[in-house]
Amino acid sequence: MASLIRLIVSVPLAAIITFLLFTLMQILIFEDSVPLDDAGDELRISIADRVEDIAVRDRTVTVDDVDQVEPPPPPPQIERARADQPTESMSTIVGGLPEFDRPSLAGGDISFDVSDRDAQPLVRIPPNYPVRAAERGIEGRCEVTFDVTPEGNPTNVRILSCTNSLFERETIRAVERWRYEPRVQDGVAQWRRGVVTHFDYNLE
C-alpha cells in the first residue's frame, strides 16, 4: 500500500521537475547575446616617419696598424742531451793486421786469376779491457791464432801466448766477432787456416 502511494506522488513530481528543466534550457538558448563593451582601451600603433641612421663600426686596417702588431714570443729553447764522456783512464791498442802467407814466385804453377785472393778483414772489433786487470793496473799482450771459414767467420780461436790470463777471455771474444772476406781460389771460397794476430792491452 505504501509503495503505491509513493509511486502516485513521485510520478507527478518528476513530471513537474522535467518541465521546469526544459523551460530553463529554452530560456538560456534564446536569450539575446550580451553586447560588447565599447569602452575598452584602444590599441594604437605609431610608425615613425624618419629613419634613424645606425652607427656602423669602422674596421678599416692600415699598413701602420699591421706594423704595430707585436710578433709572437719565440718558442722555448730545448736543451739537447749530451752524452757523458767515459771516465775510465784506459785504452786498448789492437796489434797489427793478421799475418798471411806470401805467394811464392820461385817456379811452380802460378795462377794469375784476378779472382784469387787471401782472406781480408772487414770488421775488427777491439776487445774490452778486463775490469779486474784495470782495477789492479795490469797491462799485457796476447797472441792468438784462428781459422776463417768460407763464409768469412773466425773459428777455432786459440791463445798462443798471453802475459796474463786475465786477457785471454776478452781476446777470444773479440776475435769471434770479427768478419772477413773469405779466401778465394779459382773463384771458389776456401778455408783460411792459421791466421795469427796479437793484442796489446795498455792503460793510459
N, C-alpha and C. Protein backbone atom coordinates (compact mmCIF):
# COMPACT_ATOMS: atom_id res chain seq x y z
N MET A 1 0.84 -1.20 0.00
CA MET A 1 0.00 0.00 0.00
C MET A 1 0.87 1.26 0.00
N ALA A 2 1.94 1.21 0.85
CA ALA A 2 2.84 2.36 0.94
C ALA A 2 3.56 2.58 -0.38
N SER A 3 3.99 1.49 -1.05
CA SER A 3 4.69 1.64 -2.33
C SER A 3 3.80 2.23 -3.39
N LEU A 4 2.53 1.97 -3.36
CA LEU A 4 1.58 2.52 -4.34
C LEU A 4 1.44 4.02 -4.13
N ILE A 5 1.36 4.44 -2.85
CA ILE A 5 1.23 5.88 -2.56
C ILE A 5 2.50 6.61 -3.01
N ARG A 6 3.68 5.97 -2.75
CA ARG A 6 4.96 6.59 -3.15
C ARG A 6 5.02 6.75 -4.67
N LEU A 7 4.53 5.78 -5.44
CA LEU A 7 4.54 5.85 -6.89
C LEU A 7 3.64 6.95 -7.40
N ILE A 8 2.43 7.11 -6.75
CA ILE A 8 1.47 8.13 -7.19
C ILE A 8 2.03 9.52 -6.95
N VAL A 9 2.75 9.71 -5.87
CA VAL A 9 3.28 11.04 -5.56
C VAL A 9 4.51 11.36 -6.43
N SER A 10 5.41 10.39 -6.65
CA SER A 10 6.69 10.66 -7.33
C SER A 10 6.51 10.92 -8.83
N VAL A 11 5.50 10.31 -9.48
CA VAL A 11 5.34 10.49 -10.92
C VAL A 11 4.97 11.92 -11.26
N PRO A 12 3.95 12.55 -10.62
CA PRO A 12 3.66 13.95 -10.95
C PRO A 12 4.83 14.87 -10.60
N LEU A 13 5.53 14.58 -9.49
CA LEU A 13 6.65 15.43 -9.08
C LEU A 13 7.77 15.38 -10.12
N ALA A 14 8.04 14.20 -10.62
CA ALA A 14 9.09 14.08 -11.64
C ALA A 14 8.70 14.80 -12.93
N ALA A 15 7.41 14.77 -13.27
CA ALA A 15 6.97 15.46 -14.48
C ALA A 15 7.14 16.95 -14.35
N ILE A 16 6.82 17.47 -13.14
CA ILE A 16 6.95 18.91 -12.92
C ILE A 16 8.42 19.34 -13.02
N ILE A 17 9.31 18.57 -12.42
CA ILE A 17 10.75 18.92 -12.44
C ILE A 17 11.28 18.88 -13.88
N THR A 18 10.85 17.89 -14.64
CA THR A 18 11.31 17.78 -16.02
C THR A 18 10.85 18.96 -16.86
N PHE A 19 9.65 19.40 -16.64
CA PHE A 19 9.11 20.54 -17.38
C PHE A 19 9.90 21.81 -17.06
N LEU A 20 10.20 21.99 -15.78
CA LEU A 20 10.95 23.18 -15.38
C LEU A 20 12.35 23.18 -16.00
N LEU A 21 12.97 22.03 -16.08
CA LEU A 21 14.32 21.96 -16.67
C LEU A 21 14.30 22.32 -18.14
N PHE A 22 13.32 21.80 -18.90
CA PHE A 22 13.23 22.13 -20.32
C PHE A 22 12.94 23.61 -20.52
N THR A 23 12.15 24.20 -19.63
CA THR A 23 11.84 25.63 -19.74
C THR A 23 13.08 26.47 -19.51
N LEU A 24 13.85 26.08 -18.51
CA LEU A 24 15.09 26.82 -18.20
C LEU A 24 16.10 26.72 -19.35
N MET A 25 16.21 25.57 -19.96
CA MET A 25 17.13 25.40 -21.09
C MET A 25 16.70 26.24 -22.28
N GLN A 26 15.41 26.34 -22.51
CA GLN A 26 14.93 27.14 -23.63
C GLN A 26 15.21 28.62 -23.40
N ILE A 27 15.09 29.06 -22.16
CA ILE A 27 15.37 30.48 -21.86
C ILE A 27 16.84 30.80 -22.12
N LEU A 28 17.72 29.87 -21.71
CA LEU A 28 19.17 30.11 -21.89
C LEU A 28 19.55 30.11 -23.36
N ILE A 29 18.90 29.28 -24.17
CA ILE A 29 19.26 29.19 -25.59
C ILE A 29 18.83 30.41 -26.35
N PHE A 30 17.65 30.90 -26.11
CA PHE A 30 17.09 32.01 -26.90
C PHE A 30 17.31 33.36 -26.25
N GLU A 31 18.18 33.47 -25.24
CA GLU A 31 18.46 34.77 -24.60
C GLU A 31 19.32 35.59 -25.54
N ASP A 32 19.04 36.90 -25.67
CA ASP A 32 19.80 37.81 -26.55
C ASP A 32 21.24 37.87 -26.10
N SER A 33 22.14 37.93 -27.10
CA SER A 33 23.56 37.98 -26.80
C SER A 33 23.90 39.28 -26.10
N VAL A 34 24.83 39.23 -25.19
CA VAL A 34 25.23 40.41 -24.42
C VAL A 34 26.08 41.29 -25.31
N PRO A 35 25.80 42.58 -25.46
CA PRO A 35 26.62 43.47 -26.31
C PRO A 35 28.00 43.66 -25.71
N LEU A 36 29.01 43.80 -26.59
CA LEU A 36 30.39 44.01 -26.16
C LEU A 36 30.56 45.39 -25.62
N ASP A 37 31.47 45.53 -24.69
CA ASP A 37 31.73 46.82 -24.07
C ASP A 37 32.61 47.64 -25.02
N ASP A 38 32.05 48.76 -25.50
CA ASP A 38 32.78 49.60 -26.43
C ASP A 38 33.75 50.53 -25.74
N ALA A 39 33.71 50.51 -24.41
CA ALA A 39 34.55 51.46 -23.67
C ALA A 39 35.93 50.89 -23.37
N GLY A 40 36.36 49.85 -24.09
CA GLY A 40 37.68 49.25 -23.81
C GLY A 40 38.83 50.12 -24.31
N ASP A 41 40.01 49.75 -23.89
CA ASP A 41 41.19 50.52 -24.29
C ASP A 41 41.45 50.36 -25.78
N GLU A 42 41.83 51.47 -26.42
CA GLU A 42 42.13 51.45 -27.83
C GLU A 42 43.60 51.11 -28.04
N LEU A 43 43.88 50.27 -29.04
CA LEU A 43 45.23 49.88 -29.39
C LEU A 43 45.73 50.79 -30.49
N ARG A 44 46.80 51.52 -30.20
CA ARG A 44 47.34 52.46 -31.15
C ARG A 44 48.75 52.03 -31.56
N ILE A 45 49.03 52.05 -32.86
CA ILE A 45 50.33 51.70 -33.41
C ILE A 45 50.89 52.92 -34.09
N SER A 46 52.10 53.34 -33.62
CA SER A 46 52.71 54.55 -34.17
C SER A 46 53.94 54.16 -34.98
N ILE A 47 54.06 54.65 -36.21
CA ILE A 47 55.19 54.37 -37.09
C ILE A 47 55.91 55.69 -37.35
N ALA A 48 57.20 55.71 -37.01
CA ALA A 48 57.96 56.94 -37.19
C ALA A 48 58.19 57.22 -38.67
N ASP A 49 58.04 58.49 -39.04
CA ASP A 49 58.22 58.87 -40.43
C ASP A 49 59.70 58.98 -40.79
N ARG A 50 60.62 59.26 -39.83
CA ARG A 50 62.04 59.46 -40.12
C ARG A 50 62.82 58.20 -39.78
N VAL A 51 63.67 57.78 -40.69
CA VAL A 51 64.50 56.60 -40.49
C VAL A 51 65.79 57.01 -39.79
N GLU A 52 66.05 56.39 -38.63
CA GLU A 52 67.25 56.73 -37.89
C GLU A 52 68.45 55.99 -38.47
N ASP A 53 69.61 56.69 -38.53
CA ASP A 53 70.85 56.08 -39.02
C ASP A 53 71.46 55.20 -37.93
N ILE A 54 71.92 54.03 -38.35
CA ILE A 54 72.54 53.08 -37.42
C ILE A 54 74.05 53.25 -37.53
N ALA A 55 74.71 53.45 -36.41
CA ALA A 55 76.16 53.65 -36.41
C ALA A 55 76.86 52.32 -36.67
N VAL A 56 77.70 52.30 -37.71
CA VAL A 56 78.46 51.09 -38.06
C VAL A 56 79.91 51.31 -37.70
N ARG A 57 80.49 50.35 -36.95
CA ARG A 57 81.88 50.46 -36.52
C ARG A 57 82.83 50.22 -37.70
N ASP A 58 83.74 51.16 -37.87
CA ASP A 58 84.69 51.07 -38.98
C ASP A 58 85.82 50.11 -38.63
N ARG A 59 86.05 49.09 -39.47
CA ARG A 59 87.07 48.07 -39.23
C ARG A 59 88.22 48.17 -40.23
N THR A 60 88.44 49.35 -40.78
CA THR A 60 89.48 49.52 -41.78
C THR A 60 90.85 49.33 -41.14
N VAL A 61 91.69 48.47 -41.75
CA VAL A 61 93.04 48.18 -41.24
C VAL A 61 94.05 48.78 -42.19
N THR A 62 94.96 49.57 -41.64
CA THR A 62 96.00 50.20 -42.45
C THR A 62 97.31 49.46 -42.29
N VAL A 63 98.30 49.85 -43.12
CA VAL A 63 99.62 49.22 -43.06
C VAL A 63 100.30 49.54 -41.74
N ASP A 64 100.07 50.76 -41.23
CA ASP A 64 100.69 51.13 -39.94
C ASP A 64 100.18 50.25 -38.82
N ASP A 65 98.90 49.93 -38.89
CA ASP A 65 98.34 49.06 -37.85
C ASP A 65 98.98 47.67 -37.91
N VAL A 66 99.26 47.18 -39.11
CA VAL A 66 99.88 45.86 -39.24
C VAL A 66 101.30 45.88 -38.69
N ASP A 67 102.01 46.99 -38.94
CA ASP A 67 103.39 47.08 -38.44
C ASP A 67 103.44 47.13 -36.92
N GLN A 68 102.41 47.63 -36.30
CA GLN A 68 102.40 47.76 -34.84
C GLN A 68 102.03 46.48 -34.12
N VAL A 69 101.66 45.45 -34.88
CA VAL A 69 101.29 44.17 -34.24
C VAL A 69 102.54 43.53 -33.65
N GLU A 70 102.49 43.13 -32.40
CA GLU A 70 103.64 42.50 -31.75
C GLU A 70 103.77 41.06 -32.21
N PRO A 71 104.99 40.66 -32.60
CA PRO A 71 105.18 39.25 -33.03
C PRO A 71 105.02 38.30 -31.84
N PRO A 72 104.67 37.05 -32.12
CA PRO A 72 104.53 36.07 -31.02
C PRO A 72 105.87 35.79 -30.38
N PRO A 73 105.89 35.40 -29.13
CA PRO A 73 107.17 35.10 -28.46
C PRO A 73 107.85 33.91 -29.11
N PRO A 74 109.17 33.86 -29.08
CA PRO A 74 109.90 32.72 -29.69
C PRO A 74 109.63 31.44 -28.92
N PRO A 75 109.73 30.29 -29.61
CA PRO A 75 109.49 29.02 -28.91
C PRO A 75 110.56 28.78 -27.86
N PRO A 76 110.24 28.04 -26.81
CA PRO A 76 111.23 27.77 -25.76
C PRO A 76 112.38 26.94 -26.30
N GLN A 77 113.56 27.24 -25.82
CA GLN A 77 114.75 26.51 -26.22
C GLN A 77 114.84 25.20 -25.45
N ILE A 78 115.01 24.12 -26.18
CA ILE A 78 115.11 22.80 -25.56
C ILE A 78 116.59 22.42 -25.50
N GLU A 79 117.03 22.15 -24.32
CA GLU A 79 118.44 21.79 -24.15
C GLU A 79 118.68 20.38 -24.65
N ARG A 80 119.66 20.25 -25.51
CA ARG A 80 119.99 18.94 -26.05
C ARG A 80 120.80 18.14 -25.05
N ALA A 81 120.42 16.87 -24.97
CA ALA A 81 121.14 16.00 -24.05
C ALA A 81 122.50 15.64 -24.63
N ARG A 82 123.48 15.67 -23.80
CA ARG A 82 124.83 15.33 -24.21
C ARG A 82 125.29 14.07 -23.50
N ALA A 83 125.97 13.24 -24.24
CA ALA A 83 126.46 12.00 -23.65
C ALA A 83 127.67 12.31 -22.78
N ASP A 84 127.72 11.63 -21.65
CA ASP A 84 128.84 11.80 -20.74
C ASP A 84 130.08 11.15 -21.32
N GLN A 85 131.20 11.80 -21.14
CA GLN A 85 132.45 11.23 -21.61
C GLN A 85 132.87 10.09 -20.69
N PRO A 86 133.54 9.09 -21.23
CA PRO A 86 133.98 7.98 -20.38
C PRO A 86 134.97 8.46 -19.33
N THR A 87 134.82 7.91 -18.16
CA THR A 87 135.69 8.28 -17.05
C THR A 87 136.83 7.31 -16.83
N GLU A 88 136.82 6.17 -17.52
CA GLU A 88 137.87 5.20 -17.34
C GLU A 88 139.12 5.65 -18.08
N SER A 89 140.23 5.65 -17.39
CA SER A 89 141.50 6.07 -17.97
C SER A 89 142.26 4.87 -18.50
N MET A 90 141.73 4.27 -19.57
CA MET A 90 142.36 3.08 -20.14
C MET A 90 142.10 3.05 -21.64
N SER A 91 142.90 2.37 -22.36
CA SER A 91 142.71 2.21 -23.80
C SER A 91 143.26 0.87 -24.21
N THR A 92 142.68 0.33 -25.29
CA THR A 92 143.13 -0.94 -25.84
C THR A 92 143.71 -0.70 -27.22
N ILE A 93 144.94 -1.05 -27.41
CA ILE A 93 145.60 -0.87 -28.70
C ILE A 93 145.68 -2.21 -29.39
N VAL A 94 145.00 -2.31 -30.52
CA VAL A 94 144.98 -3.56 -31.25
C VAL A 94 146.25 -3.66 -32.07
N GLY A 95 146.81 -4.84 -32.11
CA GLY A 95 148.07 -5.05 -32.84
C GLY A 95 147.90 -4.94 -34.33
N GLY A 96 148.94 -5.28 -35.04
CA GLY A 96 148.93 -5.17 -36.49
C GLY A 96 147.96 -6.14 -37.12
N LEU A 97 147.84 -6.04 -38.43
CA LEU A 97 146.96 -6.93 -39.16
C LEU A 97 147.45 -8.36 -39.06
N PRO A 98 146.53 -9.33 -39.15
CA PRO A 98 146.95 -10.73 -39.10
C PRO A 98 147.96 -11.04 -40.19
N GLU A 99 148.82 -11.96 -39.87
CA GLU A 99 149.87 -12.34 -40.80
C GLU A 99 149.37 -13.42 -41.75
N PHE A 100 149.55 -13.21 -43.07
CA PHE A 100 149.14 -14.16 -44.08
C PHE A 100 150.37 -14.61 -44.86
N ASP A 101 150.23 -15.78 -45.42
CA ASP A 101 151.35 -16.32 -46.21
C ASP A 101 151.50 -15.53 -47.50
N ARG A 102 152.73 -15.22 -47.84
CA ARG A 102 153.01 -14.51 -49.09
C ARG A 102 153.15 -15.53 -50.23
N PRO A 103 152.62 -15.21 -51.38
CA PRO A 103 152.75 -16.15 -52.51
C PRO A 103 154.21 -16.25 -52.97
N SER A 104 154.62 -17.44 -53.31
CA SER A 104 155.98 -17.68 -53.80
C SER A 104 156.00 -17.67 -55.32
N LEU A 105 156.92 -16.91 -55.87
CA LEU A 105 157.05 -16.81 -57.33
C LEU A 105 158.25 -17.58 -57.85
N ALA A 106 158.84 -18.43 -57.01
CA ALA A 106 160.05 -19.17 -57.41
C ALA A 106 159.66 -20.47 -58.09
N GLY A 107 159.13 -20.39 -59.27
CA GLY A 107 158.80 -21.57 -60.04
C GLY A 107 157.46 -22.15 -59.63
N GLY A 108 157.16 -23.27 -60.25
CA GLY A 108 155.89 -23.92 -59.95
C GLY A 108 154.77 -23.30 -60.73
N ASP A 109 153.59 -23.85 -60.52
CA ASP A 109 152.40 -23.33 -61.22
C ASP A 109 151.94 -22.06 -60.54
N ILE A 110 151.86 -20.98 -61.28
CA ILE A 110 151.43 -19.68 -60.76
C ILE A 110 150.12 -19.31 -61.43
N SER A 111 149.12 -18.99 -60.61
CA SER A 111 147.81 -18.59 -61.14
C SER A 111 147.69 -17.08 -61.09
N PHE A 112 147.37 -16.49 -62.22
CA PHE A 112 147.18 -15.04 -62.29
C PHE A 112 145.69 -14.67 -62.37
N ASP A 113 144.86 -15.57 -61.87
CA ASP A 113 143.42 -15.30 -61.86
C ASP A 113 143.14 -14.15 -60.89
N VAL A 114 142.54 -13.06 -61.42
CA VAL A 114 142.30 -11.87 -60.59
C VAL A 114 141.29 -12.16 -59.49
N SER A 115 140.54 -13.26 -59.61
CA SER A 115 139.56 -13.57 -58.58
C SER A 115 140.19 -14.24 -57.37
N ASP A 116 141.42 -14.71 -57.49
CA ASP A 116 142.08 -15.34 -56.36
C ASP A 116 142.56 -14.28 -55.37
N ARG A 117 142.31 -14.50 -54.09
CA ARG A 117 142.76 -13.57 -53.06
C ARG A 117 142.81 -14.30 -51.73
N ASP A 118 143.57 -13.75 -50.82
CA ASP A 118 143.64 -14.29 -49.47
C ASP A 118 142.51 -13.67 -48.63
N ALA A 119 142.33 -14.21 -47.44
CA ALA A 119 141.29 -13.68 -46.55
C ALA A 119 141.62 -12.25 -46.16
N GLN A 120 140.62 -11.37 -46.20
CA GLN A 120 140.81 -9.96 -45.90
C GLN A 120 139.84 -9.55 -44.78
N PRO A 121 140.33 -8.85 -43.74
CA PRO A 121 139.45 -8.44 -42.63
C PRO A 121 138.47 -7.36 -43.07
N LEU A 122 137.22 -7.50 -42.66
CA LEU A 122 136.18 -6.49 -42.92
C LEU A 122 135.81 -5.74 -41.65
N VAL A 123 135.56 -6.48 -40.58
CA VAL A 123 135.16 -5.89 -39.30
C VAL A 123 136.11 -6.39 -38.23
N ARG A 124 136.76 -5.45 -37.53
CA ARG A 124 137.68 -5.82 -36.45
C ARG A 124 137.28 -5.03 -35.21
N ILE A 125 136.61 -5.66 -34.29
CA ILE A 125 136.14 -5.02 -33.06
C ILE A 125 137.20 -5.22 -31.98
N PRO A 126 137.72 -4.15 -31.38
CA PRO A 126 138.74 -4.31 -30.35
C PRO A 126 138.16 -4.94 -29.09
N PRO A 127 138.95 -5.65 -28.33
CA PRO A 127 138.45 -6.28 -27.11
C PRO A 127 138.24 -5.26 -26.00
N ASN A 128 137.38 -5.62 -25.06
CA ASN A 128 137.18 -4.79 -23.87
C ASN A 128 138.31 -5.03 -22.88
N TYR A 129 138.71 -3.99 -22.20
CA TYR A 129 139.76 -4.14 -21.20
C TYR A 129 139.15 -4.85 -19.99
N PRO A 130 139.73 -5.96 -19.54
CA PRO A 130 139.17 -6.68 -18.39
C PRO A 130 139.11 -5.78 -17.16
N VAL A 131 137.98 -5.83 -16.47
CA VAL A 131 137.79 -4.95 -15.32
C VAL A 131 138.79 -5.27 -14.21
N ARG A 132 139.00 -6.54 -13.95
CA ARG A 132 139.92 -6.93 -12.88
C ARG A 132 141.35 -6.48 -13.19
N ALA A 133 141.74 -6.59 -14.46
CA ALA A 133 143.08 -6.14 -14.83
C ALA A 133 143.21 -4.62 -14.69
N ALA A 134 142.16 -3.89 -15.05
CA ALA A 134 142.20 -2.43 -14.94
C ALA A 134 142.25 -2.01 -13.47
N GLU A 135 141.48 -2.69 -12.62
CA GLU A 135 141.50 -2.33 -11.20
C GLU A 135 142.88 -2.56 -10.58
N ARG A 136 143.58 -3.55 -11.05
CA ARG A 136 144.90 -3.86 -10.50
C ARG A 136 146.03 -3.15 -11.24
N GLY A 137 145.69 -2.42 -12.30
CA GLY A 137 146.71 -1.71 -13.06
C GLY A 137 147.61 -2.63 -13.85
N ILE A 138 147.07 -3.75 -14.34
CA ILE A 138 147.85 -4.74 -15.07
C ILE A 138 147.76 -4.46 -16.57
N GLU A 139 148.90 -4.46 -17.25
CA GLU A 139 148.96 -4.36 -18.70
C GLU A 139 149.50 -5.67 -19.27
N GLY A 140 149.26 -5.90 -20.56
CA GLY A 140 149.73 -7.16 -21.12
C GLY A 140 149.62 -7.24 -22.62
N ARG A 141 149.93 -8.42 -23.14
CA ARG A 141 149.92 -8.69 -24.58
C ARG A 141 149.48 -10.13 -24.80
N CYS A 142 148.61 -10.35 -25.77
CA CYS A 142 148.14 -11.69 -26.11
C CYS A 142 148.32 -11.93 -27.61
N GLU A 143 148.78 -13.13 -27.93
CA GLU A 143 148.90 -13.56 -29.32
C GLU A 143 147.92 -14.69 -29.55
N VAL A 144 147.17 -14.65 -30.64
CA VAL A 144 146.08 -15.58 -30.87
C VAL A 144 146.14 -16.08 -32.31
N THR A 145 145.67 -17.30 -32.53
CA THR A 145 145.56 -17.87 -33.87
C THR A 145 144.15 -18.38 -34.08
N PHE A 146 143.70 -18.42 -35.33
CA PHE A 146 142.33 -18.85 -35.64
C PHE A 146 142.24 -19.20 -37.11
N ASP A 147 141.12 -19.80 -37.50
CA ASP A 147 140.83 -20.13 -38.88
C ASP A 147 139.66 -19.27 -39.37
N VAL A 148 139.58 -19.07 -40.69
CA VAL A 148 138.48 -18.31 -41.30
C VAL A 148 137.71 -19.25 -42.21
N THR A 149 136.41 -19.36 -41.99
CA THR A 149 135.56 -20.25 -42.78
C THR A 149 135.31 -19.65 -44.16
N PRO A 150 134.80 -20.44 -45.11
CA PRO A 150 134.44 -19.89 -46.42
C PRO A 150 133.37 -18.81 -46.35
N GLU A 151 132.66 -18.74 -45.23
CA GLU A 151 131.66 -17.67 -45.06
C GLU A 151 132.26 -16.41 -44.45
N GLY A 152 133.55 -16.46 -44.08
CA GLY A 152 134.20 -15.29 -43.53
C GLY A 152 134.11 -15.16 -42.02
N ASN A 153 133.79 -16.24 -41.30
CA ASN A 153 133.65 -16.20 -39.85
C ASN A 153 134.87 -16.84 -39.19
N PRO A 154 135.48 -16.19 -38.18
CA PRO A 154 136.58 -16.79 -37.45
C PRO A 154 136.11 -17.99 -36.62
N THR A 155 136.93 -19.02 -36.56
CA THR A 155 136.60 -20.21 -35.78
C THR A 155 137.90 -20.83 -35.27
N ASN A 156 137.73 -21.77 -34.32
CA ASN A 156 138.90 -22.43 -33.72
C ASN A 156 139.89 -21.41 -33.16
N VAL A 157 139.37 -20.43 -32.42
CA VAL A 157 140.22 -19.39 -31.85
C VAL A 157 141.01 -19.98 -30.68
N ARG A 158 142.35 -19.80 -30.70
CA ARG A 158 143.22 -20.37 -29.68
C ARG A 158 144.26 -19.34 -29.26
N ILE A 159 144.55 -19.31 -27.96
CA ILE A 159 145.57 -18.42 -27.43
C ILE A 159 146.94 -19.07 -27.62
N LEU A 160 147.85 -18.36 -28.28
CA LEU A 160 149.22 -18.85 -28.42
C LEU A 160 150.07 -18.45 -27.22
N SER A 161 149.96 -17.22 -26.82
CA SER A 161 150.69 -16.75 -25.64
C SER A 161 149.98 -15.54 -25.08
N CYS A 162 150.09 -15.37 -23.76
CA CYS A 162 149.44 -14.24 -23.09
C CYS A 162 150.22 -13.95 -21.82
N THR A 163 150.55 -12.68 -21.61
CA THR A 163 151.33 -12.33 -20.42
C THR A 163 150.53 -12.48 -19.14
N ASN A 164 149.21 -12.45 -19.24
CA ASN A 164 148.36 -12.63 -18.05
C ASN A 164 147.05 -13.28 -18.50
N SER A 165 146.61 -14.27 -17.73
CA SER A 165 145.39 -15.00 -18.10
C SER A 165 144.14 -14.12 -18.05
N LEU A 166 144.22 -12.97 -17.40
CA LEU A 166 143.05 -12.08 -17.34
C LEU A 166 142.66 -11.56 -18.72
N PHE A 167 143.58 -11.57 -19.68
CA PHE A 167 143.30 -11.02 -21.01
C PHE A 167 142.83 -12.09 -22.00
N GLU A 168 142.86 -13.35 -21.65
CA GLU A 168 142.57 -14.41 -22.61
C GLU A 168 141.09 -14.40 -23.04
N ARG A 169 140.20 -14.30 -22.09
CA ARG A 169 138.76 -14.39 -22.41
C ARG A 169 138.33 -13.25 -23.34
N GLU A 170 138.72 -12.00 -23.02
CA GLU A 170 138.31 -10.86 -23.86
C GLU A 170 138.96 -10.94 -25.24
N THR A 171 140.17 -11.51 -25.32
CA THR A 171 140.82 -11.66 -26.62
C THR A 171 140.04 -12.62 -27.52
N ILE A 172 139.65 -13.75 -26.98
CA ILE A 172 138.89 -14.74 -27.76
C ILE A 172 137.53 -14.17 -28.18
N ARG A 173 136.85 -13.50 -27.26
CA ARG A 173 135.53 -12.93 -27.58
C ARG A 173 135.63 -11.88 -28.68
N ALA A 174 136.68 -11.09 -28.67
CA ALA A 174 136.82 -10.06 -29.71
C ALA A 174 137.02 -10.69 -31.08
N VAL A 175 137.91 -11.72 -31.18
CA VAL A 175 138.17 -12.35 -32.47
C VAL A 175 136.92 -13.04 -33.01
N GLU A 176 136.12 -13.62 -32.14
CA GLU A 176 134.90 -14.31 -32.59
C GLU A 176 133.90 -13.34 -33.22
N ARG A 177 134.00 -12.06 -32.93
CA ARG A 177 133.07 -11.08 -33.50
C ARG A 177 133.60 -10.44 -34.79
N TRP A 178 134.80 -10.81 -35.20
CA TRP A 178 135.35 -10.26 -36.44
C TRP A 178 134.67 -10.89 -37.66
N ARG A 179 134.78 -10.20 -38.80
CA ARG A 179 134.24 -10.71 -40.06
C ARG A 179 135.31 -10.49 -41.15
N TYR A 180 135.36 -11.48 -42.09
CA TYR A 180 136.39 -11.47 -43.13
C TYR A 180 135.77 -11.67 -44.50
N GLU A 181 136.46 -11.15 -45.49
CA GLU A 181 136.25 -11.60 -46.86
C GLU A 181 136.99 -12.93 -46.98
N PRO A 182 136.31 -14.03 -47.32
CA PRO A 182 136.97 -15.33 -47.30
C PRO A 182 138.08 -15.44 -48.35
N ARG A 183 138.91 -16.41 -48.14
CA ARG A 183 139.94 -16.71 -49.12
C ARG A 183 139.29 -17.28 -50.39
N VAL A 184 139.73 -16.83 -51.56
CA VAL A 184 139.15 -17.27 -52.83
C VAL A 184 140.27 -17.85 -53.69
N GLN A 185 140.03 -19.05 -54.20
CA GLN A 185 140.98 -19.71 -55.10
C GLN A 185 140.20 -20.32 -56.26
N ASP A 186 140.60 -19.96 -57.46
CA ASP A 186 139.89 -20.38 -58.67
C ASP A 186 138.41 -20.00 -58.63
N GLY A 187 138.13 -18.83 -58.04
CA GLY A 187 136.75 -18.34 -57.98
C GLY A 187 135.88 -19.00 -56.93
N VAL A 188 136.47 -19.84 -56.04
CA VAL A 188 135.69 -20.56 -55.02
C VAL A 188 136.22 -20.18 -53.65
N ALA A 189 135.32 -19.86 -52.71
CA ALA A 189 135.72 -19.52 -51.34
C ALA A 189 136.32 -20.74 -50.67
N GLN A 190 137.43 -20.51 -49.97
CA GLN A 190 138.16 -21.59 -49.32
C GLN A 190 138.36 -21.26 -47.83
N TRP A 191 138.74 -22.29 -47.10
CA TRP A 191 139.15 -22.10 -45.71
C TRP A 191 140.49 -21.37 -45.68
N ARG A 192 140.66 -20.53 -44.69
CA ARG A 192 141.98 -19.92 -44.44
C ARG A 192 142.38 -20.30 -43.01
N ARG A 193 143.38 -21.10 -42.87
CA ARG A 193 143.76 -21.64 -41.57
C ARG A 193 145.06 -21.00 -41.10
N GLY A 194 145.16 -20.95 -39.76
CA GLY A 194 146.39 -20.48 -39.15
C GLY A 194 146.63 -18.99 -39.20
N VAL A 195 145.57 -18.20 -39.16
CA VAL A 195 145.73 -16.74 -39.11
C VAL A 195 146.24 -16.38 -37.71
N VAL A 196 147.24 -15.52 -37.61
CA VAL A 196 147.84 -15.13 -36.34
C VAL A 196 147.78 -13.61 -36.20
N THR A 197 147.39 -13.15 -35.02
CA THR A 197 147.41 -11.71 -34.71
C THR A 197 147.66 -11.56 -33.22
N HIS A 198 147.84 -10.31 -32.78
CA HIS A 198 148.11 -10.09 -31.36
C HIS A 198 147.40 -8.81 -30.89
N PHE A 199 147.21 -8.70 -29.57
CA PHE A 199 146.57 -7.56 -28.94
C PHE A 199 147.48 -7.04 -27.83
N ASP A 200 147.63 -5.73 -27.77
CA ASP A 200 148.37 -5.07 -26.68
C ASP A 200 147.37 -4.37 -25.76
N TYR A 201 147.39 -4.67 -24.51
CA TYR A 201 146.49 -4.06 -23.52
C TYR A 201 147.32 -3.06 -22.70
N ASN A 202 147.04 -1.78 -22.90
CA ASN A 202 147.79 -0.73 -22.22
C ASN A 202 146.83 0.23 -21.52
N LEU A 203 147.18 0.64 -20.33
CA LEU A 203 146.42 1.65 -19.58
C LEU A 203 147.04 3.01 -19.83
N GLU A 204 146.17 4.02 -19.96
CA GLU A 204 146.69 5.37 -20.13
C GLU A 204 147.25 5.89 -18.80
